[in-house]
Amino acid sequence: MARPNKRTTLREVAEATGLSTAAVSYALRGKHVSKETEERVRKAAAELGYEADPIARALASGRTSTVGVLAGDLQDLWQQQLMAAIGRELLAGDRYALILDAGGDPERELALAKQLRDQRVDGLLVSPVDPSAEGWSKIADAVPVVSIGDALSRARTAGEVLFDNRAGIDAVLDYLRGLGHRRVTVLTPTGPSTPDRPADVYVREAADRLGIEAVVLPCPQELGEATAMARRVLTNSPDGRRPAGPAPATAVFCFSDSIAYGVYAAAAEASLTVGRDLSVVGFDDHPVSRVLTPPLTTVDWGLSDIAKEAARLAVAAIEGRRVRRKRILCAPRLSERGSAAAPRG
């Protein structure tokens, strides 16, 4: 009979089964005992209402079964989807994701990473806002860190699941150039405090090589703010109301699909038809992108595989297991839909 007012101890389960507490502990974890013994112990534990004390288990093992997952900016719908997928992968292995949001702020990102370290998470997965920050080195020395997207250039990580941004950017710009575009606006979530992120550097190099004029502008990922920025881009004016200077670019390349949704909204306000009057390309293939009118041409990085590989590397590092490859490079796949076409005129 279960006794709800008093926590059943491991010793009581041992007495009920005639085994040592060590044998009972092994049986409950499915280790070093026969299947028959494991089933007998689990049955007795259920009848007695035994539940493992997470604090005692953490003290005994030195592990909390909690993994920190630090998102660069959860205004990005694709990152929301990725964090949820990572959480599911960890849960499948009886580990729990503690998901925090840096909100696109590199200082907040490091502060949250230090907080997770101090809370004794078993490992940390991060999609970094500032991959070159010096603070990552000390954090990675204290807890196994797996980086997603960009490598932490100043830290020795337990693993990396990286986007081949160079290949993705080449694919998009070459595609737009093939359609006839020579002036492209690139909207990036990168802020002024982290101007040298790899994708922002690569896009300038690729544009020069292909003979395309590319203007790189920072843009928030929240829909309203992205729409306001796109409004200014489409009119080529600071207030988004009157034309000023040269004609706007004929194509907009967005470093997240969330930003592209703002461009769609601004284009509708200006009575412009995406895929006819304006070409728009995204960079992460969120499911919403497939149901837009027209569907968004974008880059698929294989989100499910990213989540699996990141969780696998983190768990291997936590358990002290060696892995054959600690660096996974994700190849892009351009999904051509209806949002990009040859420029008019």
Protein backbone atom coordinates (compact mmCIF):
# COMPACT_ATOMS: atom_id res chain seq x y z
CA MET A 1 0.00 0.00 0.00
CA ALA A 2 1.25 3.47 -0.86
CA ARG A 3 1.81 5.85 2.04
CA PRO A 4 1.27 9.36 0.67
CA ASN A 5 2.19 11.18 3.88
CA LYS A 6 5.67 9.66 4.13
CA ARG A 7 8.23 9.23 1.36
CA THR A 8 9.08 5.56 0.90
CA THR A 9 12.81 5.00 1.12
CA LEU A 10 15.12 2.88 -0.99
CA ARG A 11 15.91 0.85 2.15
CA GLU A 12 12.22 -0.09 2.54
CA VAL A 13 12.10 -1.37 -1.06
CA ALA A 14 15.26 -3.35 -0.33
CA GLU A 15 13.71 -4.91 2.79
CA ALA A 16 10.56 -5.81 0.85
CA THR A 17 12.54 -7.60 -1.86
CA GLY A 18 15.29 -9.08 0.29
CA LEU A 19 17.97 -7.30 -1.72
CA SER A 20 20.64 -4.78 -0.84
CA THR A 21 19.97 -1.08 -1.40
CA ALA A 22 22.69 -1.09 -4.06
CA ALA A 23 20.98 -3.92 -5.95
CA VAL A 24 17.63 -2.12 -5.73
CA SER A 25 19.22 1.08 -7.02
CA TYR A 26 20.74 -0.79 -9.97
CA ALA A 27 17.44 -2.52 -10.71
CA LEU A 28 15.49 0.74 -10.77
CA ARG A 29 18.01 2.12 -13.25
CA GLY A 30 17.98 -1.08 -15.33
CA LYS A 31 21.68 -1.81 -14.77
CA HIS A 32 23.73 -4.84 -13.69
CA VAL A 33 20.79 -7.07 -12.69
CA SER A 34 18.68 -9.70 -14.41
CA LYS A 35 15.41 -8.78 -16.08
CA GLU A 36 13.55 -10.87 -13.50
CA THR A 37 15.14 -8.94 -10.61
CA GLU A 38 14.46 -5.62 -12.29
CA GLU A 39 10.77 -6.47 -12.73
CA ARG A 40 10.47 -7.71 -9.12
CA VAL A 41 12.02 -4.51 -7.74
CA ARG A 42 9.92 -2.23 -9.92
CA LYS A 43 6.75 -4.05 -8.85
CA ALA A 44 7.64 -3.70 -5.16
CA ALA A 45 8.55 -0.04 -5.62
CA ALA A 46 5.19 0.65 -7.29
CA GLU A 47 3.28 -1.13 -4.53
CA LEU A 48 5.12 0.81 -1.83
CA GLY A 49 4.70 4.11 -3.68
CA TYR A 50 8.44 4.63 -3.99
CA GLU A 51 9.61 7.69 -5.94
CA ALA A 52 13.28 8.54 -6.38
CA ASP A 53 14.35 11.65 -4.49
CA PRO A 54 15.79 13.89 -7.23
CA ILE A 55 17.96 15.84 -4.80
CA ALA A 56 19.45 12.71 -3.26
CA ARG A 57 19.98 11.23 -6.71
CA ALA A 58 21.74 14.38 -7.88
CA LEU A 59 23.99 14.42 -4.81
CA ALA A 60 24.88 10.77 -5.27
CA SER A 61 25.54 10.95 -9.00
CA GLY A 62 26.76 14.51 -9.35
CA ARG A 63 24.10 15.02 -12.03
CA THR A 64 20.74 16.78 -12.07
CA SER A 65 19.30 15.24 -15.28
CA THR A 66 18.75 18.86 -16.39
CA VAL A 67 20.31 20.32 -19.54
CA GLY A 68 20.36 24.05 -20.16
CA VAL A 69 19.15 25.08 -23.62
CA LEU A 70 19.90 28.72 -24.39
CA ALA A 71 18.10 30.25 -27.38
CA GLY A 72 19.55 33.25 -29.15
CA ASP A 73 16.15 34.87 -29.68
CA LEU A 74 12.78 33.18 -29.27
CA GLN A 75 11.10 35.90 -31.33
CA ASP A 76 12.43 33.74 -34.17
CA LEU A 77 9.73 31.15 -34.82
CA TRP A 78 12.25 28.66 -36.20
CA GLN A 79 14.26 28.83 -32.97
CA GLN A 80 11.08 28.16 -31.01
CA GLN A 81 10.58 25.04 -33.11
CA LEU A 82 14.22 23.99 -32.64
CA MET A 83 14.17 24.43 -28.86
CA ALA A 84 10.98 22.37 -28.60
CA ALA A 85 12.55 19.61 -30.73
CA ILE A 86 15.69 19.56 -28.57
CA GLY A 87 13.53 19.35 -25.46
CA ARG A 88 11.75 16.30 -26.87
CA GLU A 89 15.04 14.60 -27.77
CA LEU A 90 16.41 15.13 -24.26
CA LEU A 91 13.18 13.97 -22.63
CA ALA A 92 13.33 10.73 -24.59
CA GLY A 93 16.54 10.02 -22.65
CA ASP A 94 15.04 11.00 -19.27
CA ARG A 95 16.71 14.41 -19.29
CA TYR A 96 14.93 17.69 -18.92
CA ALA A 97 15.51 20.88 -20.90
CA LEU A 98 15.68 24.17 -19.05
CA ILE A 99 15.05 26.59 -21.94
CA LEU A 100 16.06 30.25 -21.57
CA ASP A 101 15.90 33.11 -24.06
CA ALA A 102 18.77 35.55 -24.64
CA GLY A 103 16.42 37.84 -26.56
CA GLY A 104 19.14 38.71 -29.08
CA ASP A 105 21.24 40.41 -26.36
CA PRO A 106 24.85 39.11 -26.12
CA GLU A 107 25.31 40.40 -22.55
CA ARG A 108 22.10 38.75 -21.41
CA GLU A 109 23.17 35.58 -23.19
CA LEU A 110 26.40 35.26 -21.18
CA ALA A 111 24.61 36.17 -17.93
CA LEU A 112 22.07 33.39 -18.51
CA ALA A 113 24.80 30.91 -19.48
CA LYS A 114 26.62 31.65 -16.21
CA GLN A 115 23.37 31.24 -14.29
CA LEU A 116 22.77 27.83 -15.87
CA ARG A 117 26.33 26.82 -15.04
CA ASP A 118 25.87 27.92 -11.42
CA GLN A 119 22.62 25.93 -11.20
CA ARG A 120 24.69 22.83 -11.99
CA VAL A 121 23.01 21.79 -15.22
CA ASP A 122 24.62 18.65 -16.60
CA GLY A 123 25.26 20.27 -19.97
CA LEU A 124 24.47 23.35 -22.03
CA LEU A 125 23.25 23.67 -25.61
CA VAL A 126 23.42 27.15 -27.07
CA SER A 127 22.44 28.87 -30.31
CA PRO A 128 24.78 31.83 -29.75
CA VAL A 129 24.06 35.50 -30.36
CA ASP A 130 27.76 36.31 -29.99
CA PRO A 131 29.83 33.21 -30.85
CA SER A 132 33.12 35.10 -30.42
CA ALA A 133 32.51 36.35 -26.87
CA GLU A 134 35.44 35.70 -24.50
CA GLY A 135 33.11 34.56 -21.70
CA TRP A 136 32.33 31.25 -23.41
CA SER A 137 35.76 29.86 -22.58
CA LYS A 138 35.22 29.76 -18.79
CA ILE A 139 31.68 28.45 -19.17
CA ALA A 140 32.83 25.61 -21.44
CA ASP A 141 35.56 24.72 -18.93
CA ALA A 142 32.90 24.28 -16.21
CA VAL A 143 30.12 22.47 -18.09
CA PRO A 144 29.94 20.53 -21.40
CA VAL A 145 28.75 22.97 -24.08
CA VAL A 146 27.36 22.11 -27.50
CA SER A 147 27.07 25.00 -29.94
CA ILE A 148 24.33 25.13 -32.58
CA GLY A 149 24.56 27.26 -35.71
CA ASP A 150 27.90 29.02 -35.23
CA ALA A 151 31.05 27.74 -33.51
CA LEU A 152 32.20 29.34 -30.26
CA SER A 153 35.53 30.56 -31.57
CA ARG A 154 37.14 31.14 -28.15
CA ALA A 155 35.90 28.07 -26.29
CA ARG A 156 36.67 24.38 -26.30
CA THR A 157 33.23 22.85 -26.73
CA ALA A 158 31.99 19.31 -26.29
CA GLY A 159 30.44 19.40 -29.75
CA GLU A 160 29.22 21.60 -32.59
CA VAL A 161 26.24 21.35 -34.93
CA LEU A 162 27.02 24.06 -37.43
CA PHE A 163 25.20 25.57 -40.39
CA ASP A 164 27.18 25.74 -43.62
CA ASN A 165 26.27 29.40 -43.97
CA ARG A 166 28.71 29.92 -46.79
CA ALA A 167 26.99 27.26 -48.91
CA GLY A 168 23.52 28.53 -47.96
CA ILE A 169 24.31 32.13 -48.81
CA ASP A 170 26.00 31.15 -52.07
CA ALA A 171 22.93 29.13 -53.04
CA VAL A 172 20.51 32.01 -52.38
CA LEU A 173 22.55 34.78 -54.00
CA ASP A 174 23.42 32.64 -57.01
CA TYR A 175 19.72 31.80 -57.38
CA LEU A 176 18.71 35.49 -57.24
CA ARG A 177 21.46 36.45 -59.66
CA GLY A 178 20.25 33.75 -62.05
CA LEU A 179 16.79 35.33 -61.96
CA GLY A 180 18.33 38.67 -62.95
CA HIS A 181 18.59 40.48 -59.62
CA ARG A 182 21.60 42.76 -59.17
CA ARG A 183 20.50 44.79 -56.12
CA VAL A 184 19.60 42.82 -52.99
CA THR A 185 18.75 43.99 -49.49
CA VAL A 186 19.85 41.53 -46.81
CA LEU A 187 18.00 41.69 -43.48
CA THR A 188 19.87 40.10 -40.57
CA PRO A 189 18.94 39.69 -36.90
CA THR A 190 22.55 40.52 -36.00
CA GLY A 191 22.77 43.67 -33.86
CA PRO A 192 25.38 46.44 -33.88
CA SER A 193 27.18 44.82 -30.92
CA THR A 194 28.02 41.65 -32.90
CA PRO A 195 28.73 42.87 -36.44
CA ASP A 196 31.15 40.11 -37.44
CA ARG A 197 28.97 37.02 -37.22
CA PRO A 198 29.94 34.53 -39.94
CA ALA A 199 26.78 34.80 -42.06
CA ASP A 200 27.03 38.59 -42.25
CA VAL A 201 30.66 38.37 -43.34
CA TYR A 202 29.98 35.63 -45.89
CA VAL A 203 27.11 37.47 -47.56
CA ARG A 204 29.32 40.47 -48.33
CA GLU A 205 32.05 38.21 -49.72
CA ALA A 206 29.58 36.26 -51.88
CA ALA A 207 27.91 39.41 -53.21
CA ASP A 208 31.28 40.86 -54.26
CA ARG A 209 32.24 37.62 -55.98
CA LEU A 210 28.93 37.40 -57.87
CA GLY A 211 28.84 41.06 -58.83
CA ILE A 212 25.72 41.80 -56.78
CA GLU A 213 25.13 44.98 -54.83
CA ALA A 214 24.08 43.81 -51.36
CA VAL A 215 23.08 46.14 -48.54
CA VAL A 216 23.09 44.39 -45.14
CA LEU A 217 20.73 45.87 -42.56
CA PRO A 218 19.90 44.76 -39.00
CA CYS A 219 16.26 43.81 -38.47
CA PRO A 220 14.35 42.57 -35.40
CA GLN A 221 12.56 39.22 -35.62
CA GLU A 222 9.34 40.24 -33.86
CA LEU A 223 6.64 40.58 -36.55
CA GLY A 224 5.63 44.19 -35.86
CA GLU A 225 9.21 45.43 -35.70
CA ALA A 226 10.23 43.42 -38.75
CA THR A 227 7.29 44.89 -40.67
CA ALA A 228 8.31 48.43 -39.69
CA MET A 229 11.87 47.82 -40.86
CA ALA A 230 10.68 46.24 -44.11
CA ARG A 231 8.41 49.23 -44.69
CA ARG A 232 11.45 51.51 -44.65
CA VAL A 233 13.38 49.15 -46.92
CA LEU A 234 10.60 48.95 -49.54
CA THR A 235 10.22 52.72 -49.77
CA ASN A 236 13.93 53.42 -49.29
CA SER A 237 13.02 56.13 -46.78
CA PRO A 238 13.56 56.47 -43.02
CA ASP A 239 9.87 56.98 -42.20
CA GLY A 240 8.54 54.39 -44.65
CA ARG A 241 6.17 56.92 -46.27
CA ARG A 242 7.92 58.73 -49.07
CA PRO A 243 10.45 57.68 -51.71
CA ALA A 244 13.97 58.96 -51.17
CA GLY A 245 17.21 58.30 -53.03
CA PRO A 246 17.65 55.48 -55.54
CA ALA A 247 14.98 52.89 -56.22
CA PRO A 248 14.70 50.10 -53.64
CA ALA A 249 16.34 46.74 -54.24
CA THR A 250 14.39 44.24 -56.33
CA ALA A 251 14.95 41.35 -53.90
CA VAL A 252 15.07 40.96 -50.11
CA PHE A 253 17.08 38.11 -48.58
CA CYS A 254 16.07 37.51 -44.95
CA PHE A 255 18.33 35.63 -42.54
CA SER A 256 15.26 34.17 -40.84
CA ASP A 257 11.81 33.35 -42.15
CA SER A 258 10.37 35.34 -39.24
CA ILE A 259 11.89 38.48 -40.77
CA ALA A 260 10.50 37.49 -44.18
CA TYR A 261 6.98 37.49 -42.72
CA GLY A 262 7.49 41.16 -41.89
CA VAL A 263 8.48 41.81 -45.50
CA TYR A 264 5.30 40.11 -46.68
CA ALA A 265 3.25 42.32 -44.36
CA ALA A 266 4.98 45.51 -45.50
CA ALA A 267 4.59 44.52 -49.16
CA ALA A 268 0.84 44.01 -48.68
CA GLU A 269 0.56 47.48 -47.10
CA ALA A 270 2.35 48.96 -50.13
CA SER A 271 0.14 47.01 -52.58
CA LEU A 272 3.15 45.09 -53.83
CA THR A 273 2.78 41.45 -54.85
CA VAL A 274 5.51 39.17 -53.53
CA GLY A 275 6.80 37.00 -56.34
CA ARG A 276 5.88 39.59 -58.96
CA ASP A 277 6.74 43.13 -57.81
CA LEU A 278 9.25 41.99 -55.20
CA SER A 279 11.27 38.83 -54.61
CA VAL A 280 11.69 37.55 -51.05
CA VAL A 281 13.85 34.65 -49.83
CA GLY A 282 14.08 33.27 -46.29
CA PHE A 283 16.72 31.16 -44.57
CA ASP A 284 15.26 28.47 -42.31
CA ASP A 285 12.08 26.92 -43.77
CA HIS A 286 9.62 27.33 -40.92
CA PRO A 287 6.35 25.41 -41.58
CA VAL A 288 4.38 28.69 -41.85
CA SER A 289 6.50 29.56 -44.91
CA ARG A 290 4.78 26.84 -46.92
CA VAL A 291 1.27 28.24 -46.42
CA LEU A 292 1.96 31.88 -47.29
CA THR A 293 0.65 33.39 -50.51
CA PRO A 294 2.85 32.82 -52.39
CA PRO A 295 4.82 30.17 -50.45
CA LEU A 296 8.23 31.45 -49.37
CA THR A 297 11.38 30.35 -51.15
CA THR A 298 13.76 29.51 -48.32
CA VAL A 299 16.58 27.27 -47.09
CA ASP A 300 15.93 24.01 -45.26
CA TRP A 301 18.68 23.07 -42.75
CA GLY A 302 17.09 19.84 -41.50
CA LEU A 303 15.77 20.91 -38.11
CA SER A 304 14.94 17.41 -36.88
CA ASP A 305 18.48 16.17 -37.52
CA ILE A 306 19.95 19.28 -35.87
CA ALA A 307 17.97 18.61 -32.70
CA LYS A 308 18.95 14.92 -32.66
CA GLU A 309 22.64 15.57 -33.24
CA ALA A 310 22.82 18.38 -30.67
CA ALA A 311 21.12 16.28 -28.00
CA ARG A 312 23.29 13.27 -28.86
CA LEU A 313 26.52 15.22 -28.49
CA ALA A 314 25.37 16.78 -25.22
CA VAL A 315 24.36 13.45 -23.68
CA ALA A 316 27.60 11.80 -24.81
CA ALA A 317 29.63 14.58 -23.17
CA ILE A 318 27.59 14.37 -19.96
CA GLU A 319 28.12 10.60 -19.76
CA GLY A 320 31.81 10.88 -20.61
CA ARG A 321 31.48 8.87 -23.79
CA ARG A 322 33.79 9.45 -26.74
CA VAL A 323 32.15 10.23 -30.07
CA ARG A 324 33.64 9.80 -33.51
CA ARG A 325 32.58 13.22 -34.77
CA LYS A 326 32.17 16.23 -32.50
CA ARG A 327 31.63 18.64 -35.37
CA ILE A 328 28.53 18.20 -37.54
CA LEU A 329 28.16 20.48 -40.57
CA CYS A 330 24.57 20.89 -41.75
CA ALA A 331 24.17 21.24 -45.51
CA PRO A 332 21.53 23.65 -46.86
CA ARG A 333 18.78 22.75 -49.30
CA LEU A 334 17.14 25.60 -51.22
CA SER A 335 13.37 25.11 -51.43
CA GLU A 336 12.22 27.08 -54.50
CA ARG A 337 8.63 28.21 -54.20
CA GLY A 338 6.70 31.20 -55.52
CA SER A 339 8.19 34.20 -53.68
CA ALA A 340 11.06 34.92 -56.06
CA ALA A 341 10.97 35.77 -59.77
CA ALA A 342 12.80 37.83 -62.36
CA PRO A 343 12.71 41.58 -61.61
CA ARG A 344 10.07 43.53 -63.55
CA GLY A 345 11.15 46.02 -66.15
